[in-house]
Amino acid sequence: MSMRRPKEDAGPQGGAEPTAVVTCGVAQSPSALSQNEITILAETFRLLGDPSRLRIMLCCLQGPISVGEIAERLELSLSLVSHHLRLLRGARLVRGERQAKQIFYEVADQHVSHVLLDMATHIAEDHADDYGGAPGL
Protein backbone atom coordinates (compact mmCIF):
# COMPACT_ATOMS: atom_id res chain seq x y z
CA MET A 1 0.00 0.00 0.00
CA SER A 2 1.62 3.23 -1.15
CA MET A 3 -0.19 6.29 0.14
CA ARG A 4 1.06 9.79 -0.42
CA ARG A 5 0.26 12.83 1.66
CA PRO A 6 -2.36 14.98 -0.07
CA LYS A 7 -1.37 18.41 -1.32
CA GLU A 8 -1.90 21.06 1.35
CA ASP A 9 -3.92 23.24 -0.99
CA ALA A 10 -6.22 20.43 -2.18
CA GLY A 11 -9.92 21.03 -1.60
CA PRO A 12 -11.75 24.12 -0.43
CA GLN A 13 -10.10 26.37 2.13
CA GLY A 14 -11.06 25.16 5.59
CA GLY A 15 -13.65 22.79 4.12
CA ALA A 16 -14.65 19.50 5.69
CA GLU A 17 -14.52 17.54 2.46
CA PRO A 18 -12.21 14.51 2.46
CA THR A 19 -8.89 15.10 0.74
CA ALA A 20 -7.69 12.89 -2.06
CA VAL A 21 -5.32 10.03 -1.36
CA VAL A 22 -2.84 8.97 -4.02
CA THR A 23 -2.64 5.19 -4.18
CA CYS A 24 -0.52 3.51 -6.82
CA GLY A 25 -0.21 6.88 -8.53
CA VAL A 26 -3.99 7.35 -8.92
CA ALA A 27 -5.84 9.95 -6.86
CA GLN A 28 -8.95 8.66 -5.11
CA SER A 29 -11.07 9.61 -2.15
CA PRO A 30 -10.31 7.78 1.10
CA SER A 31 -13.72 6.12 0.89
CA ALA A 32 -12.63 4.47 -2.38
CA LEU A 33 -9.92 2.38 -0.70
CA SER A 34 -10.24 -1.33 -1.37
CA GLN A 35 -11.26 -3.67 1.43
CA ASN A 36 -7.68 -4.98 1.53
CA GLU A 37 -6.27 -1.44 1.85
CA ILE A 38 -8.74 -0.65 4.64
CA THR A 39 -7.69 -3.83 6.46
CA ILE A 40 -4.01 -2.89 6.13
CA LEU A 41 -4.74 0.65 7.35
CA ALA A 42 -6.69 -0.66 10.34
CA GLU A 43 -3.86 -3.06 11.20
CA THR A 44 -1.36 -0.20 10.98
CA PHE A 45 -3.38 1.87 13.46
CA ARG A 46 -3.77 -1.19 15.70
CA LEU A 47 0.00 -1.58 15.80
CA LEU A 48 0.39 2.08 16.73
CA GLY A 49 -2.25 1.66 19.45
CA ASP A 50 0.22 -0.13 21.72
CA PRO A 51 1.91 2.42 24.04
CA SER A 52 5.31 0.69 23.91
CA ARG A 53 5.30 0.53 20.11
CA LEU A 54 4.21 4.15 19.90
CA ARG A 55 7.02 5.20 22.25
CA ILE A 56 9.47 3.24 20.08
CA MET A 57 8.16 5.03 16.99
CA LEU A 58 8.62 8.39 18.69
CA CYS A 59 12.23 7.45 19.52
CA CYS A 60 12.80 6.56 15.88
CA LEU A 61 11.52 9.97 14.76
CA GLN A 62 14.69 11.56 16.08
CA GLY A 63 16.87 9.69 13.61
CA PRO A 64 18.65 6.34 13.43
CA ILE A 65 18.82 4.68 16.86
CA SER A 66 20.02 1.26 17.98
CA VAL A 67 17.87 -1.35 19.68
CA GLY A 68 20.00 -1.03 22.82
CA GLU A 69 19.58 2.74 22.96
CA ILE A 70 15.80 2.45 22.50
CA ALA A 71 15.61 -0.16 25.26
CA GLU A 72 17.69 2.01 27.59
CA ARG A 73 15.73 5.22 26.91
CA LEU A 74 12.36 3.54 27.34
CA GLU A 75 13.42 1.20 30.14
CA LEU A 76 12.26 -1.87 28.19
CA SER A 77 14.02 -5.19 27.65
CA LEU A 78 16.06 -5.72 24.50
CA SER A 79 13.90 -8.69 23.54
CA LEU A 80 10.67 -6.69 23.90
CA VAL A 81 12.04 -3.80 21.83
CA SER A 82 13.28 -6.24 19.17
CA HIS A 83 9.86 -7.90 19.06
CA HIS A 84 8.07 -4.57 18.62
CA LEU A 85 10.56 -3.43 15.98
CA ARG A 86 10.00 -6.65 14.03
CA LEU A 87 6.26 -5.91 13.93
CA LEU A 88 6.79 -2.25 13.02
CA ARG A 89 9.26 -3.19 10.29
CA GLY A 90 6.79 -5.74 8.91
CA ALA A 91 4.19 -2.97 8.64
CA ARG A 92 6.78 -0.74 6.89
CA LEU A 93 6.60 1.85 9.68
CA VAL A 94 10.33 1.66 10.48
CA ARG A 95 13.38 0.60 8.54
CA GLY A 96 16.65 -0.71 9.84
CA GLU A 97 20.17 -0.29 8.59
CA ARG A 98 22.94 -2.61 9.75
CA GLN A 99 26.18 -0.98 10.83
CA ALA A 100 28.73 -3.57 11.95
CA LYS A 101 26.96 -5.71 14.57
CA GLN A 102 24.12 -3.30 15.29
CA ILE A 103 20.97 -2.31 13.45
CA PHE A 104 19.87 1.30 13.63
CA TYR A 105 16.17 2.00 13.17
CA GLU A 106 14.37 5.09 11.96
CA VAL A 107 10.87 5.98 10.82
CA ALA A 108 10.33 4.50 7.36
CA ASP A 109 9.40 7.67 5.48
CA GLN A 110 7.91 11.17 5.65
CA HIS A 111 4.35 9.85 5.48
CA VAL A 112 4.76 7.99 8.75
CA SER A 113 6.57 10.96 10.31
CA HIS A 114 3.77 13.32 9.28
CA VAL A 115 1.09 11.08 10.79
CA LEU A 116 2.92 10.82 14.11
CA LEU A 117 3.85 14.50 14.30
CA ASP A 118 0.42 15.70 13.18
CA MET A 119 -1.37 13.53 15.74
CA ALA A 120 1.03 14.56 18.52
CA THR A 121 0.35 18.20 17.64
CA HIS A 122 -3.38 17.51 17.53
CA ILE A 123 -3.55 16.04 21.03
CA ALA A 124 -1.32 18.80 22.43
CA GLU A 125 -3.68 21.53 21.20
CA ASP A 126 -6.16 23.11 23.58
CA HIS A 127 -9.52 21.56 22.71
CA ALA A 128 -11.60 23.03 25.57
CA ASP A 129 -13.77 24.90 23.05
CA ASP A 130 -14.56 21.72 21.08
CA TYR A 131 -17.13 20.64 23.66
CA GLY A 132 -18.59 24.00 24.54
CA GLY A 133 -16.26 24.26 27.52
CA ALA A 134 -18.45 21.84 29.49
CA PRO A 135 -16.43 20.03 32.16
CA GLY A 136 -16.12 16.27 32.00
CA LEU A 137 -16.60 15.91 28.28
C-alpha atoms as a PDB file:
ATOM      1  CA  MET A   1       0.000   0.000   0.000  1.00  0.00           C
ATOM      2  CA  SER A   2       1.619   3.226  -1.145  1.00  0.00           C
ATOM      3  CA  MET A   3      -0.185   6.289   0.136  1.00  0.00           C
ATOM      4  CA  ARG A   4       1.057   9.792  -0.419  1.00  0.00           C
ATOM      5  CA  ARG A   5       0.262  12.829   1.661  1.00  0.00           C
ATOM      6  CA  PRO A   6      -2.365  14.981  -0.074  1.00  0.00           C
ATOM      7  CA  LYS A   7      -1.374  18.412  -1.316  1.00  0.00           C
ATOM      8  CA  GLU A   8      -1.903  21.057   1.348  1.00  0.00           C
ATOM      9  CA  ASP A   9      -3.923  23.239  -0.994  1.00  0.00           C
ATOM     10  CA  ALA A  10      -6.218  20.428  -2.181  1.00  0.00           C
ATOM     11  CA  GLY A  11      -9.918  21.029  -1.602  1.00  0.00           C
ATOM     12  CA  PRO A  12     -11.752  24.117  -0.430  1.00  0.00           C
ATOM     13  CA  GLN A  13     -10.103  26.373   2.130  1.00  0.00           C
ATOM     14  CA  GLY A  14     -11.062  25.161   5.592  1.00  0.00           C
ATOM     15  CA  GLY A  15     -13.649  22.794   4.123  1.00  0.00           C
ATOM     16  CA  ALA A  16     -14.654  19.505   5.691  1.00  0.00           C
ATOM     17  CA  GLU A  17     -14.520  17.539   2.458  1.00  0.00           C
ATOM     18  CA  PRO A  18     -12.208  14.508   2.464  1.00  0.00           C
ATOM     19  CA  THR A  19      -8.890  15.096   0.744  1.00  0.00           C
ATOM     20  CA  ALA A  20      -7.694  12.885  -2.064  1.00  0.00           C
ATOM     21  CA  VAL A  21      -5.318  10.030  -1.361  1.00  0.00           C
ATOM     22  CA  VAL A  22      -2.844   8.971  -4.018  1.00  0.00           C
ATOM     23  CA  THR A  23      -2.638   5.193  -4.184  1.00  0.00           C
ATOM     24  CA  CYS A  24      -0.523   3.507  -6.819  1.00  0.00           C
ATOM     25  CA  GLY A  25      -0.208   6.885  -8.526  1.00  0.00           C
ATOM     26  CA  VAL A  26      -3.989   7.349  -8.922  1.00  0.00           C
ATOM     27  CA  ALA A  27      -5.840   9.955  -6.856  1.00  0.00           C
ATOM     28  CA  GLN A  28      -8.950   8.660  -5.111  1.00  0.00           C
ATOM     29  CA  SER A  29     -11.065   9.614  -2.150  1.00  0.00           C
ATOM     30  CA  PRO A  30     -10.309   7.780   1.104  1.00  0.00           C
ATOM     31  CA  SER A  31     -13.721   6.121   0.891  1.00  0.00           C
ATOM     32  CA  ALA A  32     -12.630   4.475  -2.377  1.00  0.00           C
ATOM     33  CA  LEU A  33      -9.923   2.378  -0.702  1.00  0.00           C
ATOM     34  CA  SER A  34     -10.245  -1.329  -1.373  1.00  0.00           C
ATOM     35  CA  GLN A  35     -11.259  -3.673   1.434  1.00  0.00           C
ATOM     36  CA  ASN A  36      -7.682  -4.976   1.531  1.00  0.00           C
ATOM     37  CA  GLU A  37      -6.272  -1.444   1.855  1.00  0.00           C
ATOM     38  CA  ILE A  38      -8.740  -0.654   4.643  1.00  0.00           C
ATOM     39  CA  THR A  39      -7.693  -3.831   6.455  1.00  0.00           C
ATOM     40  CA  ILE A  40      -4.011  -2.895   6.133  1.00  0.00           C
ATOM     41  CA  LEU A  41      -4.742   0.650   7.349  1.00  0.00           C
ATOM     42  CA  ALA A  42      -6.690  -0.658  10.341  1.00  0.00           C
ATOM     43  CA  GLU A  43      -3.856  -3.063  11.203  1.00  0.00           C
ATOM     44  CA  THR A  44      -1.360  -0.198  10.984  1.00  0.00           C
ATOM     45  CA  PHE A  45      -3.378   1.869  13.461  1.00  0.00           C
ATOM     46  CA  ARG A  46      -3.773  -1.194  15.702  1.00  0.00           C
ATOM     47  CA  LEU A  47       0.002  -1.578  15.800  1.00  0.00           C
ATOM     48  CA  LEU A  48       0.393   2.080  16.730  1.00  0.00           C
ATOM     49  CA  GLY A  49      -2.247   1.663  19.447  1.00  0.00           C
ATOM     50  CA  ASP A  50       0.219  -0.131  21.719  1.00  0.00           C
ATOM     51  CA  PRO A  51       1.909   2.419  24.036  1.00  0.00           C
ATOM     52  CA  SER A  52       5.309   0.688  23.908  1.00  0.00           C
ATOM     53  CA  ARG A  53       5.305   0.526  20.105  1.00  0.00           C
ATOM     54  CA  LEU A  54       4.207   4.152  19.899  1.00  0.00           C
ATOM     55  CA  ARG A  55       7.017   5.196  22.255  1.00  0.00           C
ATOM     56  CA  ILE A  56       9.470   3.242  20.078  1.00  0.00           C
ATOM     57  CA  MET A  57       8.160   5.032  16.987  1.00  0.00           C
ATOM     58  CA  LEU A  58       8.617   8.394  18.689  1.00  0.00           C
ATOM     59  CA  CYS A  59      12.231   7.450  19.524  1.00  0.00           C
ATOM     60  CA  CYS A  60      12.805   6.555  15.884  1.00  0.00           C
ATOM     61  CA  LEU A  61      11.519   9.970  14.761  1.00  0.00           C
ATOM     62  CA  GLN A  62      14.692  11.562  16.082  1.00  0.00           C
ATOM     63  CA  GLY A  63      16.874   9.691  13.607  1.00  0.00           C
ATOM     64  CA  PRO A  64      18.651   6.335  13.434  1.00  0.00           C
ATOM     65  CA  ILE A  65      18.824   4.680  16.855  1.00  0.00           C
ATOM     66  CA  SER A  66      20.025   1.264  17.977  1.00  0.00           C
ATOM     67  CA  VAL A  67      17.866  -1.347  19.679  1.00  0.00           C
ATOM     68  CA  GLY A  68      19.996  -1.030  22.817  1.00  0.00           C
ATOM     69  CA  GLU A  69      19.577   2.744  22.958  1.00  0.00           C
ATOM     70  CA  ILE A  70      15.796   2.447  22.503  1.00  0.00           C
ATOM     71  CA  ALA A  71      15.615  -0.159  25.263  1.00  0.00           C
ATOM     72  CA  GLU A  72      17.692   2.013  27.588  1.00  0.00           C
ATOM     73  CA  ARG A  73      15.735   5.223  26.913  1.00  0.00           C
ATOM     74  CA  LEU A  74      12.358   3.545  27.339  1.00  0.00           C
ATOM     75  CA  GLU A  75      13.420   1.203  30.136  1.00  0.00           C
ATOM     76  CA  LEU A  76      12.262  -1.868  28.192  1.00  0.00           C
ATOM     77  CA  SER A  77      14.021  -5.188  27.651  1.00  0.00           C
ATOM     78  CA  LEU A  78      16.058  -5.716  24.497  1.00  0.00           C
ATOM     79  CA  SER A  79      13.897  -8.688  23.539  1.00  0.00           C
ATOM     80  CA  LEU A  80      10.667  -6.691  23.897  1.00  0.00           C
ATOM     81  CA  VAL A  81      12.042  -3.797  21.830  1.00  0.00           C
ATOM     82  CA  SER A  82      13.282  -6.241  19.169  1.00  0.00           C
ATOM     83  CA  HIS A  83       9.856  -7.902  19.060  1.00  0.00           C
ATOM     84  CA  HIS A  84       8.069  -4.573  18.619  1.00  0.00           C
ATOM     85  CA  LEU A  85      10.556  -3.428  15.976  1.00  0.00           C
ATOM     86  CA  ARG A  86      10.004  -6.649  14.032  1.00  0.00           C
ATOM     87  CA  LEU A  87       6.255  -5.911  13.928  1.00  0.00           C
ATOM     88  CA  LEU A  88       6.793  -2.250  13.024  1.00  0.00           C
ATOM     89  CA  ARG A  89       9.258  -3.194  10.289  1.00  0.00           C
ATOM     90  CA  GLY A  90       6.790  -5.739   8.908  1.00  0.00           C
ATOM     91  CA  ALA A  91       4.193  -2.967   8.642  1.00  0.00           C
ATOM     92  CA  ARG A  92       6.776  -0.743   6.890  1.00  0.00           C
ATOM     93  CA  LEU A  93       6.595   1.848   9.676  1.00  0.00           C
ATOM     94  CA  VAL A  94      10.325   1.663  10.481  1.00  0.00           C
ATOM     95  CA  ARG A  95      13.380   0.602   8.541  1.00  0.00           C
ATOM     96  CA  GLY A  96      16.647  -0.714   9.835  1.00  0.00           C
ATOM     97  CA  GLU A  97      20.175  -0.288   8.591  1.00  0.00           C
ATOM     98  CA  ARG A  98      22.936  -2.607   9.749  1.00  0.00           C
ATOM     99  CA  GLN A  99      26.179  -0.980  10.833  1.00  0.00           C
ATOM    100  CA  ALA A 100      28.728  -3.566  11.946  1.00  0.00           C
ATOM    101  CA  LYS A 101      26.958  -5.713  14.568  1.00  0.00           C
ATOM    102  CA  GLN A 102      24.116  -3.295  15.290  1.00  0.00           C
ATOM    103  CA  ILE A 103      20.974  -2.314  13.448  1.00  0.00           C
ATOM    104  CA  PHE A 104      19.872   1.298  13.632  1.00  0.00           C
ATOM    105  CA  TYR A 105      16.174   2.003  13.174  1.00  0.00           C
ATOM    106  CA  GLU A 106      14.371   5.087  11.957  1.00  0.00           C
ATOM    107  CA  VAL A 107      10.869   5.982  10.816  1.00  0.00           C
ATOM    108  CA  ALA A 108      10.331   4.504   7.358  1.00  0.00           C
ATOM    109  CA  ASP A 109       9.400   7.675   5.485  1.00  0.00           C
ATOM    110  CA  GLN A 110       7.908  11.166   5.652  1.00  0.00           C
ATOM    111  CA  HIS A 111       4.346   9.853   5.478  1.00  0.00           C
ATOM    112  CA  VAL A 112       4.761   7.987   8.755  1.00  0.00           C
ATOM    113  CA  SER A 113       6.567  10.964  10.306  1.00  0.00           C
ATOM    114  CA  HIS A 114       3.772  13.316   9.280  1.00  0.00           C
ATOM    115  CA  VAL A 115       1.088  11.085  10.788  1.00  0.00           C
ATOM    116  CA  LEU A 116       2.924  10.817  14.108  1.00  0.00           C
ATOM    117  CA  LEU A 117       3.848  14.498  14.300  1.00  0.00           C
ATOM    118  CA  ASP A 118       0.418  15.700  13.183  1.00  0.00           C
ATOM    119  CA  MET A 119      -1.372  13.527  15.745  1.00  0.00           C
ATOM    120  CA  ALA A 120       1.034  14.562  18.522  1.00  0.00           C
ATOM    121  CA  THR A 121       0.351  18.202  17.644  1.00  0.00           C
ATOM    122  CA  HIS A 122      -3.376  17.509  17.530  1.00  0.00           C
ATOM    123  CA  ILE A 123      -3.546  16.035  21.030  1.00  0.00           C
ATOM    124  CA  ALA A 124      -1.316  18.796  22.433  1.00  0.00           C
ATOM    125  CA  GLU A 125      -3.677  21.535  21.200  1.00  0.00           C
ATOM    126  CA  ASP A 126      -6.156  23.112  23.577  1.00  0.00           C
ATOM    127  CA  HIS A 127      -9.523  21.565  22.709  1.00  0.00           C
ATOM    128  CA  ALA A 128     -11.599  23.025  25.566  1.00  0.00           C
ATOM    129  CA  ASP A 129     -13.765  24.899  23.053  1.00  0.00           C
ATOM    130  CA  ASP A 130     -14.555  21.720  21.079  1.00  0.00           C
ATOM    131  CA  TYR A 131     -17.134  20.643  23.656  1.00  0.00           C
ATOM    132  CA  GLY A 132     -18.591  24.004  24.536  1.00  0.00           C
ATOM    133  CA  GLY A 133     -16.259  24.256  27.519  1.00  0.00           C
ATOM    134  CA  ALA A 134     -18.447  21.836  29.489  1.00  0.00           C
ATOM    135  CA  PRO A 135     -16.429  20.029  32.164  1.00  0.00           C
ATOM    136  CA  GLY A 136     -16.123  16.272  32.002  1.00  0.00           C
ATOM    137  CA  LEU A 137     -16.598  15.910  28.277  1.00  0.00           C
END
